[in-house]
């Protein structure tokens, strides 16, 4: 039986783990009910509260309520995600040592919590209210939704050659009545975007594969919440359809990234050298995947 190898590209590049962290292979244990917030939480100028918090700390002037787990691991580990801070420790480590480790890593923890909150705020600000006149990004340009029941079916993109400065030059005419619900409008626009994404991805895969000396065999669209793309050793490529929101150079970077895994199935220097042969400015484009907020659907 052919054993498949899979490489993935994260939506959000994870930060390098801190010195005390080990790879997160945790086995969570039942946790106690989170304690009531102390006076420190009220007085602290900034707070971070994990929804499953069962321990807390004041780091500098910031109150942090975090999830604490006992796990089968050898060291204390720290993970900052969308929900907040999670700390994992072996069963034999006393709580006092855990508290000390949290204080020791306070600068790293706070920087990652701030970054996670900033990203959350950017995502919320990009949330789309689906209605007539809503806008969304398509290949780096804003598109205005126009509900047009006279349109024969589906959706049609129109381009104004001489749009006014600051006004999107693209309109997407969707065959829905003015009384259409937000969900109906969203689904129609998403269906159109996914068709555009599949067509463009195939074109870019065919463009880069010969340059890299590889052959892809199958494309699948992904809706993953944490991955931009995945490459399998059998030639299957999965690409997140939401990439269609970005400019073409960013899309090309992800396509080239996944195709390069068909030659080098890791993230070694040889892999990045392979990517650079077709996308020399990959580092800058990679940063845009992290920095640009895509719409919240």
Foldseek 3Di string as FASTA:
>chain_A
DDDKFKDFAWLADFDDWDPQADPPPWDFDDADQADDDDPLQVQQPEEAAQPRFNDWDCAPSYIYGEAEGAGPDDTWGWDQDLRAIYIYGHPPDDVVVVRVVCNVCVVVRVVSNVLSVVLVVQQVVQAWQQAQQIWFFFQRFIEGEHEDLVDPAQKDKDAAPDDDPPDTRIYIYHNDDRPDHSVVRVVSVVVVLLVVLVVVLVVLLVVCCVVLVHAADEEAEDCDPITQWMAMLVRYIYGHSLCRRHHPLLVSLVSLLRSLCNVPVDPDPVSVVSSCVPNVPSVVSSVCSNVHHHHDD
